[in-house]
Amino acid sequence: MRTRVKICGITRPEDALTAVRYGADAIGLVFYAPSPRNVSIERAAEIVASLPPYVSTVGLFVNASPNEIETVLKRVNLDCLQFHGDETPTDCAQINMPYYKAVRVKNDTNLLQYAAEYQQAKALLLDTYSEKAVGGTGQVFDWGLIPKHLDLPVILAGGLTVDNVREAILQVKPYAVDVSGGVEASKGIKDETKIASFIHEVNQLSS
């Protein structure tokens, strides 16, 4: 099965269109003020409006209140939510939309338990744990910590680049890979060559 690609941390319409042109299945918009990739509601609406059909739009939130999320949803046409904080299954279910639950993986993380607790999630997005940031660390975690059989699809994130995504897919066999910093010229600004090379590397394994 073809591994899907999500390009996260999009802040400009031109970067979204570049990602789509090279074959991205989804783009991610960060609604978290401390992030250097945070995007305003107005800019997010502009980005989504620029997209062609059949491209999924994912909104990333970190411990946001239902009111905050609903405020975004009134203006931005999102297909899926990505909960990247300490949200409980009940928190995630308050917004009646498909969602992924991000898990920041460290040595004692019980991913089987996460999969059981977040049964309503469409997938678990596995990222690198850091005390300094909730995501976008550019660091890879130990993929050997991922059980071979989880009850939810895996979206693999955390430090992926054109240099390691092939190995990551061969080892983990994720449903999708999620990249942000690995295809950037600077934080929040994507690099066309890096996007093209990354997606080409992923697609090589599906051809």
N, C-alpha and C. Protein backbone atom coordinates (compact mmCIF):
# COMPACT_ATOMS: atom_id res chain seq x y z
N MET A 1 0.84 -1.19 0.00
CA MET A 1 0.00 0.00 0.00
C MET A 1 0.88 1.24 0.00
N ARG A 2 0.49 2.24 -0.76
CA ARG A 2 1.27 3.47 -0.85
C ARG A 2 1.27 4.23 0.48
N THR A 3 2.44 4.68 0.88
CA THR A 3 2.57 5.49 2.09
C THR A 3 2.14 6.92 1.78
N ARG A 4 1.21 7.43 2.54
CA ARG A 4 0.74 8.81 2.33
C ARG A 4 1.74 9.81 2.92
N VAL A 5 1.64 11.05 2.44
CA VAL A 5 2.55 12.11 2.89
C VAL A 5 1.75 13.32 3.35
N LYS A 6 2.06 13.78 4.55
CA LYS A 6 1.51 15.04 5.06
C LYS A 6 2.65 16.02 5.25
N ILE A 7 2.51 17.21 4.68
CA ILE A 7 3.46 18.29 4.88
C ILE A 7 2.86 19.23 5.90
N CYS A 8 3.50 19.33 7.06
CA CYS A 8 2.93 20.10 8.17
C CYS A 8 3.65 21.44 8.32
N GLY A 9 3.01 22.32 9.09
CA GLY A 9 3.60 23.62 9.35
C GLY A 9 3.57 24.56 8.17
N ILE A 10 2.55 24.41 7.33
CA ILE A 10 2.39 25.29 6.17
C ILE A 10 1.95 26.67 6.64
N THR A 11 2.62 27.71 6.16
CA THR A 11 2.26 29.08 6.55
C THR A 11 1.97 29.98 5.35
N ARG A 12 2.16 29.46 4.12
CA ARG A 12 1.96 30.29 2.93
C ARG A 12 1.20 29.48 1.87
N PRO A 13 0.27 30.12 1.15
CA PRO A 13 -0.43 29.40 0.08
C PRO A 13 0.50 28.80 -0.95
N GLU A 14 1.57 29.51 -1.30
CA GLU A 14 2.48 28.99 -2.32
C GLU A 14 3.17 27.70 -1.87
N ASP A 15 3.43 27.58 -0.57
CA ASP A 15 4.05 26.35 -0.08
C ASP A 15 3.05 25.19 -0.11
N ALA A 16 1.80 25.49 0.21
CA ALA A 16 0.76 24.46 0.14
C ALA A 16 0.62 23.95 -1.29
N LEU A 17 0.60 24.85 -2.24
CA LEU A 17 0.44 24.46 -3.65
C LEU A 17 1.66 23.69 -4.15
N THR A 18 2.84 24.07 -3.67
CA THR A 18 4.04 23.32 -4.03
C THR A 18 3.96 21.89 -3.52
N ALA A 19 3.54 21.74 -2.27
CA ALA A 19 3.41 20.40 -1.69
C ALA A 19 2.43 19.55 -2.49
N VAL A 20 1.31 20.15 -2.85
CA VAL A 20 0.29 19.41 -3.61
C VAL A 20 0.80 19.06 -5.01
N ARG A 21 1.51 19.98 -5.62
CA ARG A 21 2.02 19.74 -6.98
C ARG A 21 2.95 18.52 -7.03
N TYR A 22 3.69 18.31 -5.96
CA TYR A 22 4.60 17.17 -5.94
C TYR A 22 3.98 15.91 -5.35
N GLY A 23 2.70 16.00 -4.95
CA GLY A 23 2.00 14.78 -4.57
C GLY A 23 1.64 14.62 -3.12
N ALA A 24 1.71 15.68 -2.31
CA ALA A 24 1.31 15.56 -0.91
C ALA A 24 -0.18 15.22 -0.80
N ASP A 25 -0.50 14.34 0.12
CA ASP A 25 -1.89 13.94 0.34
C ASP A 25 -2.60 14.88 1.31
N ALA A 26 -1.84 15.50 2.19
CA ALA A 26 -2.43 16.36 3.22
C ALA A 26 -1.46 17.48 3.57
N ILE A 27 -2.03 18.58 4.03
CA ILE A 27 -1.21 19.65 4.58
C ILE A 27 -1.66 19.91 6.02
N GLY A 28 -0.70 20.34 6.84
CA GLY A 28 -1.00 20.61 8.24
C GLY A 28 -0.85 22.09 8.56
N LEU A 29 -1.82 22.63 9.29
CA LEU A 29 -1.82 24.02 9.72
C LEU A 29 -1.75 24.06 11.24
N VAL A 30 -0.79 24.81 11.76
CA VAL A 30 -0.53 24.83 13.20
C VAL A 30 -1.25 26.02 13.84
N PHE A 31 -2.17 25.71 14.75
CA PHE A 31 -2.89 26.74 15.50
C PHE A 31 -2.42 26.69 16.96
N TYR A 32 -1.17 27.07 17.15
CA TYR A 32 -0.54 27.02 18.47
C TYR A 32 0.45 28.16 18.54
N ALA A 33 0.10 29.22 19.28
CA ALA A 33 0.84 30.48 19.24
C ALA A 33 2.34 30.35 19.51
N PRO A 34 2.79 29.50 20.45
CA PRO A 34 4.22 29.42 20.72
C PRO A 34 5.04 28.82 19.57
N SER A 35 4.40 28.18 18.64
CA SER A 35 5.13 27.53 17.54
C SER A 35 5.60 28.56 16.52
N PRO A 36 6.84 28.42 16.02
CA PRO A 36 7.30 29.31 14.95
C PRO A 36 6.53 29.09 13.65
N ARG A 37 5.76 28.01 13.58
CA ARG A 37 4.96 27.70 12.40
C ARG A 37 3.49 28.01 12.61
N ASN A 38 3.18 28.73 13.67
CA ASN A 38 1.79 29.12 13.94
C ASN A 38 1.25 29.96 12.79
N VAL A 39 -0.01 29.72 12.47
CA VAL A 39 -0.64 30.45 11.37
C VAL A 39 -1.92 31.10 11.89
N SER A 40 -2.18 32.31 11.44
CA SER A 40 -3.40 33.00 11.84
C SER A 40 -4.61 32.36 11.17
N ILE A 41 -5.77 32.62 11.74
CA ILE A 41 -7.00 32.10 11.14
C ILE A 41 -7.17 32.65 9.73
N GLU A 42 -6.87 33.93 9.56
CA GLU A 42 -7.04 34.55 8.25
C GLU A 42 -6.13 33.91 7.20
N ARG A 43 -4.86 33.71 7.58
CA ARG A 43 -3.92 33.10 6.64
C ARG A 43 -4.29 31.64 6.37
N ALA A 44 -4.73 30.93 7.40
CA ALA A 44 -5.13 29.53 7.22
C ALA A 44 -6.30 29.43 6.25
N ALA A 45 -7.27 30.33 6.38
CA ALA A 45 -8.42 30.33 5.45
C ALA A 45 -7.95 30.59 4.03
N GLU A 46 -6.98 31.46 3.87
CA GLU A 46 -6.44 31.77 2.55
C GLU A 46 -5.74 30.54 1.96
N ILE A 47 -4.98 29.85 2.79
CA ILE A 47 -4.27 28.66 2.32
C ILE A 47 -5.24 27.58 1.88
N VAL A 48 -6.23 27.31 2.71
CA VAL A 48 -7.20 26.26 2.39
C VAL A 48 -7.98 26.61 1.12
N ALA A 49 -8.33 27.87 0.97
CA ALA A 49 -9.08 28.30 -0.22
C ALA A 49 -8.27 28.12 -1.49
N SER A 50 -6.96 28.11 -1.38
CA SER A 50 -6.11 27.98 -2.56
C SER A 50 -5.95 26.54 -3.04
N LEU A 51 -6.36 25.59 -2.24
CA LEU A 51 -6.09 24.18 -2.54
C LEU A 51 -7.05 23.61 -3.57
N PRO A 52 -6.56 22.68 -4.40
CA PRO A 52 -7.45 21.96 -5.31
C PRO A 52 -8.21 20.87 -4.54
N PRO A 53 -9.15 20.19 -5.19
CA PRO A 53 -9.90 19.12 -4.52
C PRO A 53 -9.01 17.94 -4.13
N TYR A 54 -9.51 17.14 -3.20
CA TYR A 54 -8.90 15.87 -2.79
C TYR A 54 -7.59 16.02 -2.04
N VAL A 55 -7.37 17.17 -1.43
CA VAL A 55 -6.23 17.36 -0.55
C VAL A 55 -6.77 17.55 0.87
N SER A 56 -6.33 16.73 1.80
CA SER A 56 -6.83 16.82 3.17
C SER A 56 -6.17 17.98 3.91
N THR A 57 -6.97 18.66 4.70
CA THR A 57 -6.46 19.77 5.51
C THR A 57 -6.58 19.38 6.99
N VAL A 58 -5.46 19.49 7.69
CA VAL A 58 -5.40 19.06 9.09
C VAL A 58 -5.02 20.25 9.96
N GLY A 59 -5.77 20.47 11.02
CA GLY A 59 -5.48 21.54 11.96
C GLY A 59 -4.85 21.00 13.22
N LEU A 60 -3.68 21.50 13.56
CA LEU A 60 -2.96 21.03 14.75
C LEU A 60 -3.26 21.97 15.92
N PHE A 61 -3.69 21.37 17.04
CA PHE A 61 -4.01 22.12 18.25
C PHE A 61 -3.29 21.50 19.44
N VAL A 62 -2.94 22.33 20.40
CA VAL A 62 -2.26 21.88 21.61
C VAL A 62 -3.03 22.36 22.83
N ASN A 63 -3.74 21.46 23.47
CA ASN A 63 -4.50 21.78 24.68
C ASN A 63 -5.42 22.99 24.49
N ALA A 64 -6.00 23.08 23.32
CA ALA A 64 -6.91 24.19 23.03
C ALA A 64 -8.29 23.90 23.61
N SER A 65 -9.00 24.96 23.96
CA SER A 65 -10.37 24.80 24.45
C SER A 65 -11.29 24.53 23.27
N PRO A 66 -12.45 23.91 23.52
CA PRO A 66 -13.42 23.73 22.44
C PRO A 66 -13.80 25.03 21.76
N ASN A 67 -13.90 26.12 22.53
CA ASN A 67 -14.23 27.42 21.93
C ASN A 67 -13.16 27.88 20.96
N GLU A 68 -11.90 27.68 21.34
CA GLU A 68 -10.81 28.07 20.45
C GLU A 68 -10.87 27.29 19.14
N ILE A 69 -11.12 26.00 19.24
CA ILE A 69 -11.17 25.16 18.05
C ILE A 69 -12.37 25.54 17.18
N GLU A 70 -13.52 25.75 17.82
CA GLU A 70 -14.72 26.12 17.07
C GLU A 70 -14.54 27.46 16.36
N THR A 71 -13.81 28.37 16.98
CA THR A 71 -13.55 29.67 16.35
C THR A 71 -12.77 29.48 15.05
N VAL A 72 -11.80 28.58 15.07
CA VAL A 72 -11.05 28.27 13.85
C VAL A 72 -11.96 27.62 12.81
N LEU A 73 -12.75 26.66 13.25
CA LEU A 73 -13.58 25.90 12.32
C LEU A 73 -14.64 26.76 11.63
N LYS A 74 -15.05 27.84 12.27
CA LYS A 74 -16.03 28.73 11.64
C LYS A 74 -15.45 29.43 10.41
N ARG A 75 -14.12 29.56 10.37
CA ARG A 75 -13.47 30.30 9.29
C ARG A 75 -12.64 29.42 8.36
N VAL A 76 -12.19 28.29 8.87
CA VAL A 76 -11.25 27.46 8.12
C VAL A 76 -11.86 26.08 7.90
N ASN A 77 -11.92 25.66 6.65
CA ASN A 77 -12.54 24.38 6.31
C ASN A 77 -11.53 23.24 6.49
N LEU A 78 -11.48 22.70 7.70
CA LEU A 78 -10.56 21.61 8.01
C LEU A 78 -11.26 20.26 7.85
N ASP A 79 -10.49 19.26 7.43
CA ASP A 79 -11.02 17.90 7.29
C ASP A 79 -10.78 17.07 8.53
N CYS A 80 -9.72 17.40 9.27
CA CYS A 80 -9.33 16.56 10.40
C CYS A 80 -8.60 17.42 11.42
N LEU A 81 -8.68 17.02 12.69
CA LEU A 81 -7.97 17.71 13.76
C LEU A 81 -6.81 16.83 14.25
N GLN A 82 -5.74 17.48 14.63
CA GLN A 82 -4.59 16.79 15.21
C GLN A 82 -4.37 17.33 16.61
N PHE A 83 -4.62 16.50 17.61
CA PHE A 83 -4.46 16.91 19.00
C PHE A 83 -3.05 16.56 19.45
N HIS A 84 -2.26 17.59 19.70
CA HIS A 84 -0.82 17.39 19.92
C HIS A 84 -0.41 17.68 21.36
N GLY A 85 -1.37 17.80 22.26
CA GLY A 85 -1.05 18.09 23.65
C GLY A 85 -1.40 16.94 24.56
N ASP A 86 -1.99 17.29 25.71
CA ASP A 86 -2.34 16.29 26.73
C ASP A 86 -3.83 15.98 26.72
N GLU A 87 -4.46 16.14 25.58
CA GLU A 87 -5.91 15.95 25.48
C GLU A 87 -6.30 14.50 25.81
N THR A 88 -7.35 14.36 26.60
CA THR A 88 -7.89 13.04 26.90
C THR A 88 -8.80 12.59 25.75
N PRO A 89 -9.17 11.31 25.72
CA PRO A 89 -10.15 10.88 24.71
C PRO A 89 -11.44 11.68 24.75
N THR A 90 -11.87 12.06 25.96
CA THR A 90 -13.08 12.88 26.09
C THR A 90 -12.88 14.25 25.48
N ASP A 91 -11.72 14.85 25.73
CA ASP A 91 -11.41 16.15 25.13
C ASP A 91 -11.49 16.08 23.61
N CYS A 92 -10.88 15.05 23.06
CA CYS A 92 -10.84 14.91 21.60
C CYS A 92 -12.22 14.72 21.01
N ALA A 93 -13.08 14.03 21.75
CA ALA A 93 -14.41 13.71 21.25
C ALA A 93 -15.37 14.89 21.34
N GLN A 94 -15.00 15.94 22.08
CA GLN A 94 -15.90 17.08 22.24
C GLN A 94 -16.19 17.79 20.92
N ILE A 95 -15.20 17.75 20.04
CA ILE A 95 -15.40 18.32 18.71
C ILE A 95 -15.77 17.17 17.79
N ASN A 96 -16.92 17.25 17.22
CA ASN A 96 -17.44 16.13 16.44
C ASN A 96 -16.82 16.10 15.04
N MET A 97 -15.51 15.76 15.03
CA MET A 97 -14.77 15.69 13.78
C MET A 97 -13.75 14.56 13.84
N PRO A 98 -13.35 14.04 12.69
CA PRO A 98 -12.26 13.05 12.69
C PRO A 98 -11.01 13.68 13.29
N TYR A 99 -10.24 12.85 14.00
CA TYR A 99 -9.01 13.39 14.59
C TYR A 99 -7.90 12.34 14.67
N TYR A 100 -6.67 12.86 14.73
CA TYR A 100 -5.50 12.05 15.06
C TYR A 100 -5.09 12.43 16.48
N LYS A 101 -4.54 11.49 17.21
CA LYS A 101 -3.93 11.83 18.50
C LYS A 101 -2.43 11.69 18.37
N ALA A 102 -1.73 12.79 18.62
CA ALA A 102 -0.27 12.76 18.60
C ALA A 102 0.25 12.22 19.92
N VAL A 103 1.27 11.39 19.83
CA VAL A 103 1.93 10.84 21.01
C VAL A 103 3.42 11.14 20.90
N ARG A 104 3.94 11.81 21.90
CA ARG A 104 5.38 12.10 21.92
C ARG A 104 6.08 10.92 22.59
N VAL A 105 6.79 10.17 21.83
CA VAL A 105 7.28 8.86 22.26
C VAL A 105 8.61 8.97 23.01
N LYS A 106 8.67 8.30 24.15
CA LYS A 106 9.92 8.11 24.88
C LYS A 106 10.00 6.65 25.31
N ASN A 107 11.05 6.28 26.02
CA ASN A 107 11.33 4.86 26.26
C ASN A 107 10.22 4.12 26.98
N ASP A 108 9.49 4.82 27.88
CA ASP A 108 8.46 4.12 28.66
C ASP A 108 7.05 4.36 28.14
N THR A 109 6.92 4.90 26.92
CA THR A 109 5.59 5.15 26.35
C THR A 109 4.92 3.84 25.96
N ASN A 110 3.70 3.63 26.45
CA ASN A 110 2.94 2.42 26.14
C ASN A 110 1.98 2.72 24.98
N LEU A 111 2.44 2.46 23.77
CA LEU A 111 1.63 2.79 22.60
C LEU A 111 0.42 1.88 22.47
N LEU A 112 0.51 0.66 22.95
CA LEU A 112 -0.65 -0.23 22.93
C LEU A 112 -1.78 0.35 23.79
N GLN A 113 -1.40 0.93 24.92
CA GLN A 113 -2.41 1.55 25.79
C GLN A 113 -3.01 2.78 25.13
N TYR A 114 -2.18 3.58 24.48
CA TYR A 114 -2.71 4.75 23.76
C TYR A 114 -3.71 4.32 22.69
N ALA A 115 -3.37 3.28 21.95
CA ALA A 115 -4.27 2.82 20.89
C ALA A 115 -5.60 2.34 21.47
N ALA A 116 -5.55 1.73 22.66
CA ALA A 116 -6.78 1.26 23.30
C ALA A 116 -7.61 2.43 23.82
N GLU A 117 -6.94 3.44 24.39
CA GLU A 117 -7.66 4.56 24.98
C GLU A 117 -8.25 5.48 23.93
N TYR A 118 -7.55 5.64 22.81
CA TYR A 118 -8.01 6.57 21.77
C TYR A 118 -8.58 5.79 20.57
N GLN A 119 -9.49 4.87 20.87
CA GLN A 119 -10.06 4.01 19.83
C GLN A 119 -10.79 4.82 18.77
N GLN A 120 -11.31 5.99 19.13
CA GLN A 120 -12.08 6.78 18.17
C GLN A 120 -11.19 7.58 17.23
N ALA A 121 -9.90 7.64 17.52
CA ALA A 121 -8.98 8.38 16.66
C ALA A 121 -8.84 7.67 15.31
N LYS A 122 -8.60 8.44 14.27
CA LYS A 122 -8.35 7.86 12.95
C LYS A 122 -6.95 7.27 12.86
N ALA A 123 -6.04 7.78 13.69
CA ALA A 123 -4.65 7.30 13.67
C ALA A 123 -3.94 7.83 14.91
N LEU A 124 -2.81 7.20 15.23
CA LEU A 124 -1.88 7.77 16.18
C LEU A 124 -0.73 8.39 15.40
N LEU A 125 -0.44 9.65 15.68
CA LEU A 125 0.70 10.31 15.08
C LEU A 125 1.84 10.25 16.09
N LEU A 126 2.91 9.58 15.72
CA LEU A 126 4.01 9.33 16.66
C LEU A 126 5.14 10.31 16.39
N ASP A 127 5.45 11.10 17.41
CA ASP A 127 6.45 12.17 17.30
C ASP A 127 7.49 11.96 18.40
N THR A 128 8.53 12.77 18.35
CA THR A 128 9.64 12.67 19.29
C THR A 128 9.34 13.44 20.57
N TYR A 129 9.57 12.82 21.71
CA TYR A 129 9.37 13.52 22.98
C TYR A 129 10.49 14.52 23.22
N SER A 130 10.12 15.70 23.71
CA SER A 130 11.09 16.70 24.12
C SER A 130 10.49 17.50 25.26
N GLU A 131 11.32 17.84 26.24
CA GLU A 131 10.86 18.68 27.34
C GLU A 131 10.73 20.14 26.88
N LYS A 132 11.37 20.48 25.77
CA LYS A 132 11.44 21.87 25.34
C LYS A 132 10.33 22.26 24.36
N ALA A 133 9.77 21.27 23.67
CA ALA A 133 8.78 21.60 22.65
C ALA A 133 7.79 20.45 22.50
N VAL A 134 6.58 20.76 22.04
CA VAL A 134 5.56 19.72 21.86
C VAL A 134 5.62 19.11 20.46
N GLY A 135 6.47 19.64 19.61
CA GLY A 135 6.62 19.10 18.27
C GLY A 135 7.60 19.94 17.48
N GLY A 136 7.89 19.49 16.27
CA GLY A 136 8.80 20.24 15.43
C GLY A 136 10.22 20.28 15.95
N THR A 137 10.63 19.23 16.65
CA THR A 137 11.96 19.22 17.26
C THR A 137 13.07 18.93 16.26
N GLY A 138 12.71 18.28 15.15
CA GLY A 138 13.73 17.87 14.19
C GLY A 138 14.52 16.66 14.65
N GLN A 139 14.07 16.04 15.73
CA GLN A 139 14.79 14.89 16.29
C GLN A 139 14.02 13.60 16.01
N VAL A 140 14.78 12.54 15.74
CA VAL A 140 14.20 11.22 15.50
C VAL A 140 14.13 10.45 16.81
N PHE A 141 13.05 9.71 17.03
CA PHE A 141 13.00 8.82 18.19
C PHE A 141 13.31 7.39 17.75
N ASP A 142 13.41 6.50 18.71
CA ASP A 142 13.75 5.11 18.43
C ASP A 142 12.54 4.39 17.85
N TRP A 143 12.57 4.13 16.55
CA TRP A 143 11.42 3.49 15.90
C TRP A 143 11.18 2.07 16.42
N GLY A 144 12.18 1.49 17.05
CA GLY A 144 12.01 0.16 17.63
C GLY A 144 11.03 0.13 18.78
N LEU A 145 10.66 1.31 19.30
CA LEU A 145 9.68 1.38 20.38
C LEU A 145 8.25 1.19 19.88
N ILE A 146 8.06 1.20 18.56
CA ILE A 146 6.71 1.08 17.99
C ILE A 146 6.36 -0.41 17.86
N PRO A 147 5.28 -0.85 18.51
CA PRO A 147 4.87 -2.26 18.36
C PRO A 147 4.56 -2.60 16.91
N LYS A 148 4.79 -3.83 16.55
CA LYS A 148 4.54 -4.26 15.17
C LYS A 148 3.07 -4.19 14.81
N HIS A 149 2.21 -4.41 15.79
CA HIS A 149 0.78 -4.43 15.51
C HIS A 149 0.05 -3.51 16.49
N LEU A 150 -0.41 -2.38 15.98
CA LEU A 150 -1.25 -1.47 16.75
C LEU A 150 -2.66 -1.51 16.16
N ASP A 151 -3.65 -1.23 16.99
CA ASP A 151 -5.03 -1.26 16.52
C ASP A 151 -5.42 -0.01 15.75
N LEU A 152 -4.50 0.94 15.65
CA LEU A 152 -4.75 2.16 14.89
C LEU A 152 -3.65 2.36 13.85
N PRO A 153 -3.97 2.99 12.73
CA PRO A 153 -2.93 3.32 11.76
C PRO A 153 -1.88 4.24 12.39
N VAL A 154 -0.66 4.15 11.91
CA VAL A 154 0.44 4.98 12.41
C VAL A 154 0.81 6.03 11.38
N ILE A 155 0.86 7.29 11.85
CA ILE A 155 1.45 8.37 11.08
C ILE A 155 2.78 8.68 11.75
N LEU A 156 3.87 8.49 11.03
CA LEU A 156 5.19 8.64 11.63
C LEU A 156 5.72 10.05 11.40
N ALA A 157 6.13 10.69 12.49
CA ALA A 157 6.69 12.04 12.44
C ALA A 157 7.99 12.05 13.25
N GLY A 158 8.59 13.22 13.36
CA GLY A 158 9.77 13.37 14.20
C GLY A 158 11.08 13.24 13.45
N GLY A 159 11.60 14.37 12.98
CA GLY A 159 12.94 14.38 12.40
C GLY A 159 13.09 13.70 11.06
N LEU A 160 12.00 13.51 10.34
CA LEU A 160 12.10 12.85 9.04
C LEU A 160 12.67 13.80 8.00
N THR A 161 13.54 13.25 7.14
CA THR A 161 14.15 13.99 6.03
C THR A 161 14.25 13.06 4.84
N VAL A 162 14.68 13.59 3.72
CA VAL A 162 14.88 12.75 2.54
C VAL A 162 15.93 11.67 2.81
N ASP A 163 16.82 11.92 3.77
CA ASP A 163 17.91 10.98 4.04
C ASP A 163 17.49 9.79 4.89
N ASN A 164 16.40 9.92 5.65
CA ASN A 164 16.02 8.80 6.52
C ASN A 164 14.61 8.27 6.31
N VAL A 165 13.83 8.92 5.42
CA VAL A 165 12.43 8.50 5.30
C VAL A 165 12.30 7.11 4.69
N ARG A 166 13.20 6.73 3.80
CA ARG A 166 13.15 5.38 3.22
C ARG A 166 13.34 4.33 4.32
N GLU A 167 14.36 4.51 5.13
CA GLU A 167 14.61 3.58 6.23
C GLU A 167 13.42 3.54 7.19
N ALA A 168 12.85 4.72 7.45
CA ALA A 168 11.71 4.80 8.36
C ALA A 168 10.53 3.99 7.85
N ILE A 169 10.23 4.12 6.57
CA ILE A 169 9.09 3.40 6.00
C ILE A 169 9.35 1.90 5.98
N LEU A 170 10.55 1.51 5.63
CA LEU A 170 10.88 0.08 5.58
C LEU A 170 10.79 -0.55 6.96
N GLN A 171 11.20 0.20 7.99
CA GLN A 171 11.19 -0.36 9.34
C GLN A 171 9.81 -0.32 9.98
N VAL A 172 9.15 0.82 9.88
CA VAL A 172 7.90 1.03 10.62
C VAL A 172 6.67 0.62 9.81
N LYS A 173 6.76 0.77 8.49
CA LYS A 173 5.61 0.52 7.60
C LYS A 173 4.39 1.34 8.03
N PRO A 174 4.55 2.65 8.16
CA PRO A 174 3.43 3.49 8.61
C PRO A 174 2.40 3.69 7.51
N TYR A 175 1.21 4.07 7.94
CA TYR A 175 0.19 4.45 6.96
C TYR A 175 0.60 5.72 6.25
N ALA A 176 1.23 6.64 7.00
CA ALA A 176 1.65 7.93 6.43
C ALA A 176 2.88 8.43 7.16
N VAL A 177 3.58 9.35 6.50
CA VAL A 177 4.67 10.06 7.14
C VAL A 177 4.32 11.55 7.17
N ASP A 178 4.81 12.21 8.21
CA ASP A 178 4.49 13.62 8.45
C ASP A 178 5.81 14.37 8.58
N VAL A 179 6.01 15.37 7.75
CA VAL A 179 7.27 16.11 7.76
C VAL A 179 7.00 17.61 7.83
N SER A 180 7.86 18.31 8.56
CA SER A 180 7.76 19.76 8.63
C SER A 180 9.14 20.36 8.46
N GLY A 181 9.96 20.31 9.52
CA GLY A 181 11.28 20.90 9.46
C GLY A 181 12.18 20.29 8.39
N GLY A 182 11.96 19.02 8.09
CA GLY A 182 12.81 18.33 7.12
C GLY A 182 12.66 18.81 5.69
N VAL A 183 11.65 19.65 5.44
CA VAL A 183 11.47 20.19 4.08
C VAL A 183 11.41 21.72 4.10
N GLU A 184 12.12 22.31 5.06
CA GLU A 184 12.06 23.76 5.21
C GLU A 184 13.36 24.44 4.79
N ALA A 185 13.21 25.67 4.30
CA ALA A 185 14.35 26.57 4.09
C ALA A 185 14.64 27.30 5.40
N SER A 186 13.59 27.64 6.12
CA SER A 186 13.66 28.22 7.47
C SER A 186 12.35 27.90 8.15
N LYS A 187 12.25 28.12 9.45
CA LYS A 187 11.05 27.68 10.17
C LYS A 187 9.79 28.33 9.59
N GLY A 188 8.89 27.47 9.11
CA GLY A 188 7.63 27.94 8.54
C GLY A 188 7.68 28.24 7.05
N ILE A 189 8.87 28.23 6.47
CA ILE A 189 9.03 28.49 5.04
C ILE A 189 9.55 27.23 4.37
N LYS A 190 8.78 26.66 3.46
CA LYS A 190 9.15 25.39 2.86
C LYS A 190 10.11 25.58 1.68
N ASP A 191 10.85 24.52 1.41
CA ASP A 191 11.83 24.50 0.34
C ASP A 191 11.33 23.56 -0.76
N GLU A 192 11.13 24.09 -1.95
CA GLU A 192 10.55 23.29 -3.03
C GLU A 192 11.39 22.06 -3.34
N THR A 193 12.69 22.20 -3.42
CA THR A 193 13.54 21.06 -3.76
C THR A 193 13.46 19.98 -2.69
N LYS A 194 13.43 20.38 -1.43
CA LYS A 194 13.34 19.40 -0.35
C LYS A 194 11.99 18.67 -0.37
N ILE A 195 10.92 19.41 -0.63
CA ILE A 195 9.60 18.77 -0.74
C ILE A 195 9.58 17.75 -1.87
N ALA A 196 10.08 18.17 -3.03
CA ALA A 196 10.09 17.28 -4.20
C ALA A 196 10.91 16.02 -3.92
N SER A 197 12.07 16.19 -3.32
CA SER A 197 12.95 15.05 -3.05
C SER A 197 12.34 14.12 -2.01
N PHE A 198 11.73 14.70 -0.99
CA PHE A 198 11.13 13.89 0.08
C PHE A 198 9.99 13.03 -0.47
N ILE A 199 9.08 13.66 -1.19
CA ILE A 199 7.94 12.91 -1.71
C ILE A 199 8.38 11.89 -2.76
N HIS A 200 9.36 12.24 -3.57
CA HIS A 200 9.89 11.28 -4.54
C HIS A 200 10.45 10.05 -3.84
N GLU A 201 11.18 10.27 -2.75
CA GLU A 201 11.77 9.15 -2.00
C GLU A 201 10.68 8.24 -1.45
N VAL A 202 9.62 8.84 -0.92
CA VAL A 202 8.49 8.03 -0.41
C VAL A 202 7.84 7.24 -1.53
N ASN A 203 7.59 7.90 -2.63
CA ASN A 203 6.88 7.24 -3.75
C ASN A 203 7.71 6.15 -4.41
N GLN A 204 9.04 6.25 -4.31
CA GLN A 204 9.90 5.22 -4.88
C GLN A 204 9.61 3.85 -4.28
N LEU A 205 9.22 3.85 -3.01
CA LEU A 205 8.95 2.59 -2.32
C LEU A 205 7.60 2.01 -2.70
N SER A 206 6.78 2.83 -3.35
CA SER A 206 5.43 2.36 -3.73
C SER A 206 5.35 1.99 -5.21
N SER A 207 6.42 2.26 -5.95
CA SER A 207 6.38 2.04 -7.40
C SER A 207 6.80 0.62 -7.75
